[in-house]
Structure formats: structure tokens, C-alpha cells
Amino acid sequence: MILPWDEAKKKRYQRQETELARGGKKQLNSGRLWFSKRDVRNWGFLLEARTTKAKSYSVKADELAQLTKDAYFHNSLPGMPIEFEEYNEQWILIKQVDFEAMHDELILLMAELRDLRVGKDDELPKGPET
């Protein structure tokens, strides 16, 4: 059981990793082992969490390339959550191709759901007309 005062002692990046891991898995030793890279695995992504007190955050292409390699090693998609503490906002940096694939899949699933609802409404008995 995690006590409130123990949670308050954690650093911001530790709390961010714990929040991201809800429903997923924190990597061992925060990704320092060869078989357990990066911070968190969740939602089909390997996530490298970042937190900043600054108003901006820069990311190097080399860092994203290495994150992509690590993600493919774990059979996951690469993602980088960035938390801006001053604004209390969280953003996730993902590849455009992954975003487009997720968007297309969501559209297809919504169409399937709509078709299921239409088919279900046809099977429902009609009530008395008023």
C-alpha cells in the first residue's frame, strides 16, 4: 500500500512514470538494462517520459531514432510523453505514421460499431405506436 506521504516524497518524474504505467508496466530499473529499455510499456507503446519546468523542450533526432530502435526491440511503438510542469500539461510525441494508422483504425472501428448498432436496432421489437 502506498501512503500519501510516501507518494509526496517521490520526485515529479517518478510520479509521471507511475501515472503512465497505470494499466501497463514500468520497466525494470527505469530502462537501464539491455532487455528492459526506457521507462514504461503501455497502450502498445514504449514510452520515454520527460518532465520540464521550462516553457520549452527540445528533442534531438538521434534520441528519437534510438527510442524507435528500443521500441521495435520490445515489439512496441515509440512514444515520448513530455510534461510541462508550469502549465500542468502533458503531451505525447509519436511518429506521424503511427498517429495516422491509429486514426484510420479508430475510424474503421467506429464504422463497425455504427453498423452493429443499426443491425441491433433492426432486430428490436417495435413498441406500440402512439
Protein backbone atom coordinates (compact mmCIF):
# COMPACT_ATOMS: atom_id res chain seq x y z
CA MET A 1 0.00 0.00 0.00
CA ILE A 2 1.35 3.41 -0.97
CA LEU A 3 0.78 6.02 1.70
CA PRO A 4 0.05 9.64 0.72
CA TRP A 5 3.19 10.99 2.39
CA ASP A 6 5.32 8.40 0.57
CA GLU A 7 3.78 9.48 -2.73
CA ALA A 8 4.51 13.15 -1.94
CA LYS A 9 8.20 12.33 -1.38
CA LYS A 10 8.56 11.00 -4.92
CA LYS A 11 10.11 13.26 -7.49
CA ARG A 12 7.92 14.54 -10.33
CA TYR A 13 9.44 12.20 -12.92
CA GLN A 14 8.80 9.21 -10.64
CA ARG A 15 5.14 10.22 -10.26
CA GLN A 16 4.88 10.68 -14.04
CA GLU A 17 6.22 7.17 -14.67
CA THR A 18 3.80 5.71 -12.12
CA GLU A 19 0.86 7.51 -13.76
CA LEU A 20 1.89 6.35 -17.23
CA ALA A 21 2.25 2.78 -16.03
CA ARG A 22 -1.39 2.51 -14.89
CA GLY A 23 -2.70 -0.43 -16.89
CA GLY A 24 0.80 -1.05 -18.26
CA LYS A 25 4.22 -1.86 -16.88
CA LYS A 26 7.14 0.16 -15.53
CA GLN A 27 10.39 -1.08 -16.98
CA LEU A 28 12.96 -2.53 -14.59
CA ASN A 29 15.50 -0.06 -13.27
CA SER A 30 13.89 2.70 -15.37
CA GLY A 31 15.20 1.21 -18.60
CA ARG A 32 18.87 0.89 -17.71
CA LEU A 33 19.02 -2.84 -18.51
CA TRP A 34 19.60 -4.12 -22.06
CA PHE A 35 16.41 -6.21 -22.03
CA SER A 36 14.25 -3.57 -20.33
CA LYS A 37 14.75 -0.29 -22.17
CA ARG A 38 13.07 3.06 -21.45
CA ASP A 39 10.57 3.92 -18.71
CA VAL A 40 7.12 2.42 -19.34
CA ARG A 41 5.32 0.00 -21.67
CA ASN A 42 1.63 0.80 -22.09
CA TRP A 43 -1.03 1.06 -24.82
CA GLY A 44 1.26 -0.74 -27.28
CA PHE A 45 3.94 1.92 -26.83
CA LEU A 46 7.38 2.01 -25.29
CA LEU A 47 7.45 5.37 -23.54
CA GLU A 48 10.39 7.54 -22.52
CA ALA A 49 8.93 10.03 -20.04
CA ARG A 50 10.23 13.59 -19.80
CA THR A 51 9.39 16.38 -17.37
CA THR A 52 10.43 20.02 -17.57
CA LYS A 53 9.90 23.18 -15.57
CA ALA A 54 10.92 25.24 -18.61
CA LYS A 55 8.50 26.72 -21.13
CA SER A 56 10.04 24.67 -23.94
CA TYR A 57 11.67 21.30 -24.50
CA SER A 58 13.89 20.25 -27.39
CA VAL A 59 14.31 16.72 -28.67
CA LYS A 60 17.19 15.52 -30.84
CA ALA A 61 16.59 13.28 -33.85
CA ASP A 62 19.26 10.85 -32.58
CA GLU A 63 17.32 10.38 -29.35
CA LEU A 64 14.13 9.63 -31.28
CA ALA A 65 15.98 7.19 -33.55
CA GLN A 66 17.31 5.30 -30.52
CA LEU A 67 13.85 5.30 -28.92
CA THR A 68 12.46 3.83 -32.15
CA LYS A 69 15.10 1.04 -32.13
CA ASP A 70 14.35 0.24 -28.49
CA ALA A 71 10.60 0.22 -29.16
CA TYR A 72 10.93 -2.20 -32.09
CA PHE A 73 13.10 -4.45 -29.89
CA HIS A 74 10.16 -4.58 -27.45
CA ASN A 75 7.63 -5.05 -30.29
CA SER A 76 6.09 -1.67 -29.45
CA LEU A 77 5.64 1.75 -30.98
CA PRO A 78 7.89 4.62 -29.79
CA GLY A 79 6.40 7.46 -27.74
CA MET A 80 7.70 10.32 -25.62
CA PRO A 81 5.36 11.86 -23.04
CA ILE A 82 6.52 15.37 -22.12
CA GLU A 83 5.10 17.09 -19.05
CA PHE A 84 5.33 20.86 -18.74
CA GLU A 85 5.07 21.42 -15.00
CA GLU A 86 4.46 25.18 -15.22
CA TYR A 87 1.36 24.69 -17.39
CA ASN A 88 0.32 21.36 -15.86
CA GLU A 89 0.03 19.90 -19.37
CA GLN A 90 1.08 16.54 -20.73
CA TRP A 91 1.86 15.93 -24.41
CA ILE A 92 2.90 12.74 -26.17
CA LEU A 93 5.28 12.83 -29.10
CA ILE A 94 4.66 9.96 -31.54
CA LYS A 95 5.55 9.32 -35.17
CA GLN A 96 3.10 10.75 -37.69
CA VAL A 97 2.73 7.40 -39.45
CA ASP A 98 1.71 5.77 -36.13
CA PHE A 99 -0.79 8.56 -35.44
CA GLU A 100 -2.33 8.17 -38.91
CA ALA A 101 -2.58 4.38 -38.51
CA MET A 102 -4.28 4.79 -35.12
CA HIS A 103 -6.66 7.38 -36.58
CA ASP A 104 -7.58 5.11 -39.51
CA GLU A 105 -8.16 2.15 -37.19
CA LEU A 106 -10.37 4.29 -34.94
CA ILE A 107 -12.47 5.39 -37.94
CA LEU A 108 -12.90 1.75 -39.02
CA LEU A 109 -13.89 0.66 -35.51
CA MET A 110 -16.40 3.50 -35.23
CA ALA A 111 -17.95 2.45 -38.57
CA GLU A 112 -18.17 -1.17 -37.39
CA LEU A 113 -19.81 -0.07 -34.16
CA ARG A 114 -22.29 2.06 -36.08
CA ASP A 115 -23.12 -0.92 -38.31
CA LEU A 116 -23.63 -3.14 -35.26
CA ARG A 117 -25.98 -0.60 -33.69
CA VAL A 118 -28.01 -0.28 -36.88
CA GLY A 119 -28.29 -4.06 -37.14
CA LYS A 120 -29.30 -4.31 -33.48
CA ASP A 121 -31.99 -1.65 -33.86
CA ASP A 122 -33.50 -3.62 -36.77
CA GLU A 123 -33.81 -6.72 -34.56
CA LEU A 124 -35.51 -4.93 -31.68
CA PRO A 125 -39.28 -5.45 -31.47
CA LYS A 126 -41.30 -2.39 -32.34
CA GLY A 127 -43.27 -0.87 -29.50
CA PRO A 128 -46.89 0.20 -29.74
CA GLU A 129 -47.37 3.23 -31.93
CA THR A 130 -48.82 6.25 -30.22
